[in-house]
């Protein structure tokens, strides 16, 4: 299911401008729904027979299981807010009716009312399948996330409110 180094030799190609535009619309939908905590919209991105491979968990197979997983793992937006979410797709290959992509991801979360939160970054690979009506749905996705790091103002780091100080005591 996943791409390998030899996929281009087996008839894969770069996406057309139309395919890139269609995928970009899905990336935008993913980002908006992830930031707002809209698990119902996130579920619409997945194919009926999709497989999610979340970090540290068993595979989640089929749209009903994915819907349940999304609902169960969603954040309580009254307590936590998503302040940033991004996926930077580094490569996409079109192999027949499958788009295989990989990239990096990042999410920043903050407790409501707190001045700072944390950010976690990782890697992602997704396979999108083109349905007979021309729409794309996630067929399989796997991702990981690194150790969360503080995000936002930190007393031990330079920033807009605290300039860097060198060894001689000069600010930068």
C-alpha atoms as a PDB file:
ATOM      1  CA  UNK A   1       0.000   0.000   0.000  1.00  0.00           C
ATOM      2  CA  UNK A   2       2.791   2.481   0.747  1.00  0.00           C
ATOM      3  CA  UNK A   3       5.114   4.087  -1.771  1.00  0.00           C
ATOM      4  CA  UNK A   4       8.635   2.929  -2.190  1.00  0.00           C
ATOM      5  CA  UNK A   5      11.643   4.221  -4.119  1.00  0.00           C
ATOM      6  CA  UNK A   6      10.697   2.238  -7.204  1.00  0.00           C
ATOM      7  CA  UNK A   7       7.147   3.567  -7.650  1.00  0.00           C
ATOM      8  CA  UNK A   8       8.031   5.975 -10.475  1.00  0.00           C
ATOM      9  CA  UNK A   9       9.567   3.084 -12.410  1.00  0.00           C
ATOM     10  CA  UNK A  10       6.240   1.263 -12.071  1.00  0.00           C
ATOM     11  CA  UNK A  11       4.093   3.865 -13.818  1.00  0.00           C
ATOM     12  CA  UNK A  12       3.677   6.477 -11.110  1.00  0.00           C
ATOM     13  CA  UNK A  13       3.888  10.153 -11.968  1.00  0.00           C
ATOM     14  CA  UNK A  14       3.716  13.635 -10.514  1.00  0.00           C
ATOM     15  CA  UNK A  15       0.192  14.991  -9.944  1.00  0.00           C
ATOM     16  CA  UNK A  16      -1.401  17.246 -12.529  1.00  0.00           C
ATOM     17  CA  UNK A  17      -2.345  20.820 -11.586  1.00  0.00           C
ATOM     18  CA  UNK A  18      -5.969  19.674 -11.199  1.00  0.00           C
ATOM     19  CA  UNK A  19      -4.998  16.802  -8.896  1.00  0.00           C
ATOM     20  CA  UNK A  20      -2.814  19.130  -6.810  1.00  0.00           C
ATOM     21  CA  UNK A  21      -5.704  21.609  -6.503  1.00  0.00           C
ATOM     22  CA  UNK A  22      -8.136  18.863  -5.456  1.00  0.00           C
ATOM     23  CA  UNK A  23      -5.705  17.549  -2.831  1.00  0.00           C
ATOM     24  CA  UNK A  24      -5.012  21.094  -1.581  1.00  0.00           C
ATOM     25  CA  UNK A  25      -8.743  21.582  -0.945  1.00  0.00           C
ATOM     26  CA  UNK A  26      -8.683  18.432   1.188  1.00  0.00           C
ATOM     27  CA  UNK A  27      -5.582  19.643   3.081  1.00  0.00           C
ATOM     28  CA  UNK A  28      -7.379  22.932   3.808  1.00  0.00           C
ATOM     29  CA  UNK A  29     -10.475  21.053   5.002  1.00  0.00           C
ATOM     30  CA  UNK A  30      -8.269  18.836   7.215  1.00  0.00           C
ATOM     31  CA  UNK A  31      -6.553  21.880   8.758  1.00  0.00           C
ATOM     32  CA  UNK A  32      -9.769  23.809   9.446  1.00  0.00           C
ATOM     33  CA  UNK A  33     -11.490  20.781  10.980  1.00  0.00           C
ATOM     34  CA  UNK A  34      -8.435  19.866  13.065  1.00  0.00           C
ATOM     35  CA  UNK A  35      -8.143  23.389  14.480  1.00  0.00           C
ATOM     36  CA  UNK A  36     -11.864  23.638  15.252  1.00  0.00           C
ATOM     37  CA  UNK A  37     -12.088  20.089  16.643  1.00  0.00           C
ATOM     38  CA  UNK A  38     -14.719  19.080  14.070  1.00  0.00           C
ATOM     39  CA  UNK A  39     -14.326  15.306  14.090  1.00  0.00           C
ATOM     40  CA  UNK A  40     -17.420  14.828  11.904  1.00  0.00           C
ATOM     41  CA  UNK A  41     -15.782  16.790   9.061  1.00  0.00           C
ATOM     42  CA  UNK A  42     -12.490  14.943   9.588  1.00  0.00           C
ATOM     43  CA  UNK A  43     -14.402  11.658   9.173  1.00  0.00           C
ATOM     44  CA  UNK A  44     -15.635  12.772   5.722  1.00  0.00           C
ATOM     45  CA  UNK A  45     -12.031  12.726   4.488  1.00  0.00           C
ATOM     46  CA  UNK A  46     -11.757   8.946   4.953  1.00  0.00           C
ATOM     47  CA  UNK A  47     -12.882   6.172   2.554  1.00  0.00           C
ATOM     48  CA  UNK A  48     -15.376   3.569   3.747  1.00  0.00           C
ATOM     49  CA  UNK A  49     -12.659   0.883   3.817  1.00  0.00           C
ATOM     50  CA  UNK A  50      -9.879   3.135   5.148  1.00  0.00           C
ATOM     51  CA  UNK A  51      -7.209   2.159   7.659  1.00  0.00           C
ATOM     52  CA  UNK A  52      -5.760   4.598  10.221  1.00  0.00           C
ATOM     53  CA  UNK A  53      -2.471   3.656  11.881  1.00  0.00           C
ATOM     54  CA  UNK A  54      -2.183   6.102  14.812  1.00  0.00           C
ATOM     55  CA  UNK A  55       0.981   6.127  16.933  1.00  0.00           C
ATOM     56  CA  UNK A  56       0.988   3.660  19.809  1.00  0.00           C
ATOM     57  CA  UNK A  57      -2.425   2.200  18.963  1.00  0.00           C
ATOM     58  CA  UNK A  58      -3.902  -0.746  17.122  1.00  0.00           C
ATOM     59  CA  UNK A  59      -4.985  -0.199  13.497  1.00  0.00           C
ATOM     60  CA  UNK A  60      -8.383   1.468  13.133  1.00  0.00           C
ATOM     61  CA  UNK A  61     -10.137  -0.245  10.229  1.00  0.00           C
ATOM     62  CA  UNK A  62     -13.233   0.966   8.361  1.00  0.00           C
ATOM     63  CA  UNK A  63     -15.085   4.267   8.438  1.00  0.00           C
ATOM     64  CA  UNK A  64     -17.325   3.400  11.391  1.00  0.00           C
ATOM     65  CA  UNK A  65     -14.307   2.506  13.538  1.00  0.00           C
ATOM     66  CA  UNK A  66     -12.515   5.652  12.342  1.00  0.00           C
ATOM     67  CA  UNK A  67     -15.545   7.803  13.254  1.00  0.00           C
ATOM     68  CA  UNK A  68     -15.637   6.232  16.726  1.00  0.00           C
ATOM     69  CA  UNK A  69     -11.873   6.714  17.127  1.00  0.00           C
ATOM     70  CA  UNK A  70     -12.064  10.381  16.035  1.00  0.00           C
ATOM     71  CA  UNK A  71     -14.907  11.062  18.458  1.00  0.00           C
ATOM     72  CA  UNK A  72     -13.187   9.235  21.334  1.00  0.00           C
ATOM     73  CA  UNK A  73      -9.820  10.941  20.841  1.00  0.00           C
ATOM     74  CA  UNK A  74     -11.033  14.477  20.120  1.00  0.00           C
ATOM     75  CA  UNK A  75      -9.873  17.231  22.413  1.00  0.00           C
ATOM     76  CA  UNK A  76     -12.241  18.882  24.872  1.00  0.00           C
ATOM     77  CA  UNK A  77     -12.350  22.329  23.253  1.00  0.00           C
ATOM     78  CA  UNK A  78     -13.652  23.885  26.450  1.00  0.00           C
ATOM     79  CA  UNK A  79     -10.301  23.031  28.068  1.00  0.00           C
ATOM     80  CA  UNK A  80      -7.749  22.837  25.228  1.00  0.00           C
ATOM     81  CA  UNK A  81      -7.437  24.846  22.028  1.00  0.00           C
ATOM     82  CA  UNK A  82      -5.520  23.984  18.883  1.00  0.00           C
ATOM     83  CA  UNK A  83      -3.513  27.119  18.121  1.00  0.00           C
ATOM     84  CA  UNK A  84      -1.774  25.767  15.027  1.00  0.00           C
ATOM     85  CA  UNK A  85      -1.948  22.691  12.839  1.00  0.00           C
ATOM     86  CA  UNK A  86       0.020  22.108   9.679  1.00  0.00           C
ATOM     87  CA  UNK A  87       1.028  19.368   7.315  1.00  0.00           C
ATOM     88  CA  UNK A  88       3.910  20.070   4.966  1.00  0.00           C
ATOM     89  CA  UNK A  89       3.626  17.605   2.099  1.00  0.00           C
ATOM     90  CA  UNK A  90       7.109  16.939   0.742  1.00  0.00           C
ATOM     91  CA  UNK A  91       6.239  14.573  -2.119  1.00  0.00           C
ATOM     92  CA  UNK A  92       3.174  13.228  -3.928  1.00  0.00           C
ATOM     93  CA  UNK A  93       3.086  10.422  -6.482  1.00  0.00           C
ATOM     94  CA  UNK A  94       0.016   9.451  -8.492  1.00  0.00           C
ATOM     95  CA  UNK A  95      -0.135   5.721  -9.152  1.00  0.00           C
ATOM     96  CA  UNK A  96      -3.304   4.966 -11.082  1.00  0.00           C
ATOM     97  CA  UNK A  97      -6.156   6.101  -8.838  1.00  0.00           C
ATOM     98  CA  UNK A  98      -3.962   6.393  -5.726  1.00  0.00           C
ATOM     99  CA  UNK A  99      -2.104   9.479  -4.535  1.00  0.00           C
ATOM    100  CA  UNK A 100       0.771   8.548  -2.226  1.00  0.00           C
ATOM    101  CA  UNK A 101       2.170  11.395  -0.165  1.00  0.00           C
ATOM    102  CA  UNK A 102       4.564  11.917   2.694  1.00  0.00           C
ATOM    103  CA  UNK A 103       5.524  14.924   4.732  1.00  0.00           C
ATOM    104  CA  UNK A 104       5.830  16.405   8.169  1.00  0.00           C
ATOM    105  CA  UNK A 105       3.148  17.543  10.574  1.00  0.00           C
ATOM    106  CA  UNK A 106       2.964  19.874  13.533  1.00  0.00           C
ATOM    107  CA  UNK A 107       0.284  20.708  16.068  1.00  0.00           C
ATOM    108  CA  UNK A 108       0.304  23.328  18.826  1.00  0.00           C
ATOM    109  CA  UNK A 109      -2.090  23.051  21.767  1.00  0.00           C
ATOM    110  CA  UNK A 110      -2.754  25.391  24.681  1.00  0.00           C
ATOM    111  CA  UNK A 111      -4.954  25.036  27.748  1.00  0.00           C
ATOM    112  CA  UNK A 112      -7.740  27.638  27.581  1.00  0.00           C
ATOM    113  CA  UNK A 113      -6.614  30.836  29.268  1.00  0.00           C
ATOM    114  CA  UNK A 114      -2.972  29.787  29.554  1.00  0.00           C
ATOM    115  CA  UNK A 115      -0.256  32.055  28.129  1.00  0.00           C
ATOM    116  CA  UNK A 116       1.577  29.132  26.499  1.00  0.00           C
ATOM    117  CA  UNK A 117       1.086  25.552  25.468  1.00  0.00           C
ATOM    118  CA  UNK A 118       3.090  22.919  23.679  1.00  0.00           C
ATOM    119  CA  UNK A 119       3.896  21.784  20.143  1.00  0.00           C
ATOM    120  CA  UNK A 120       4.529  18.308  18.778  1.00  0.00           C
ATOM    121  CA  UNK A 121       5.881  17.514  15.328  1.00  0.00           C
ATOM    122  CA  UNK A 122       6.230  14.322  13.385  1.00  0.00           C
ATOM    123  CA  UNK A 123       5.968  12.539  10.051  1.00  0.00           C
ATOM    124  CA  UNK A 124       2.976  11.440   8.026  1.00  0.00           C
ATOM    125  CA  UNK A 125       2.275   9.236   5.046  1.00  0.00           C
ATOM    126  CA  UNK A 126      -1.167   9.051   3.476  1.00  0.00           C
ATOM    127  CA  UNK A 127      -2.644   7.200   0.537  1.00  0.00           C
ATOM    128  CA  UNK A 128      -5.616   8.932  -1.068  1.00  0.00           C
ATOM    129  CA  UNK A 129      -7.862   6.934  -3.371  1.00  0.00           C
ATOM    130  CA  UNK A 130      -9.729   8.496  -6.253  1.00  0.00           C
ATOM    131  CA  UNK A 131     -13.340   7.331  -6.192  1.00  0.00           C
ATOM    132  CA  UNK A 132     -15.383   6.742  -9.378  1.00  0.00           C
ATOM    133  CA  UNK A 133     -16.973  10.207  -9.003  1.00  0.00           C
ATOM    134  CA  UNK A 134     -13.476  11.800  -9.089  1.00  0.00           C
ATOM    135  CA  UNK A 135     -13.311  12.742  -5.408  1.00  0.00           C
ATOM    136  CA  UNK A 136     -10.361  11.731  -3.214  1.00  0.00           C
ATOM    137  CA  UNK A 137     -10.616   9.982   0.177  1.00  0.00           C
ATOM    138  CA  UNK A 138      -7.923   8.786   2.571  1.00  0.00           C
ATOM    139  CA  UNK A 139      -7.397   5.075   2.060  1.00  0.00           C
ATOM    140  CA  UNK A 140      -4.601   4.621   4.599  1.00  0.00           C
ATOM    141  CA  UNK A 141      -2.671   6.969   6.881  1.00  0.00           C
ATOM    142  CA  UNK A 142       0.197   6.459   9.293  1.00  0.00           C
ATOM    143  CA  UNK A 143       1.856   9.126  11.408  1.00  0.00           C
ATOM    144  CA  UNK A 144       4.040   9.662  14.431  1.00  0.00           C
ATOM    145  CA  UNK A 145       4.670  12.563  16.766  1.00  0.00           C
ATOM    146  CA  UNK A 146       7.809  13.507  18.636  1.00  0.00           C
ATOM    147  CA  UNK A 147       8.036  14.554  22.248  1.00  0.00           C
ATOM    148  CA  UNK A 148       5.941  17.702  22.892  1.00  0.00           C
ATOM    149  CA  UNK A 149       7.987  20.865  23.382  1.00  0.00           C
ATOM    150  CA  UNK A 150       6.890  24.116  25.047  1.00  0.00           C
ATOM    151  CA  UNK A 151       5.221  26.545  22.631  1.00  0.00           C
ATOM    152  CA  UNK A 152       4.727  30.250  23.188  1.00  0.00           C
ATOM    153  CA  UNK A 153       6.380  32.623  25.652  1.00  0.00           C
ATOM    154  CA  UNK A 154       9.101  30.992  27.762  1.00  0.00           C
ATOM    155  CA  UNK A 155      11.104  32.757  30.445  1.00  0.00           C
ATOM    156  CA  UNK A 156      14.296  30.884  29.471  1.00  0.00           C
ATOM    157  CA  UNK A 157      14.144  31.700  25.732  1.00  0.00           C
ATOM    158  CA  UNK A 158      14.575  34.992  23.847  1.00  0.00           C
ATOM    159  CA  UNK A 159      11.479  36.346  22.164  1.00  0.00           C
ATOM    160  CA  UNK A 160       9.741  39.601  21.259  1.00  0.00           C
ATOM    161  CA  UNK A 161       9.376  40.530  24.933  1.00  0.00           C
ATOM    162  CA  UNK A 162      12.795  39.210  26.018  1.00  0.00           C
ATOM    163  CA  UNK A 163      15.774  39.887  23.742  1.00  0.00           C
ATOM    164  CA  UNK A 164      18.733  37.547  23.617  1.00  0.00           C
ATOM    165  CA  UNK A 165      21.637  38.516  25.885  1.00  0.00           C
ATOM    166  CA  UNK A 166      25.190  37.551  24.966  1.00  0.00           C
ATOM    167  CA  UNK A 167      28.022  36.673  27.341  1.00  0.00           C
ATOM    168  CA  UNK A 168      28.986  40.351  27.723  1.00  0.00           C
ATOM    169  CA  UNK A 169      25.447  41.337  28.681  1.00  0.00           C
ATOM    170  CA  UNK A 170      24.564  43.034  25.382  1.00  0.00           C
ATOM    171  CA  UNK A 171      21.070  42.491  24.020  1.00  0.00           C
ATOM    172  CA  UNK A 172      20.348  41.484  20.420  1.00  0.00           C
END
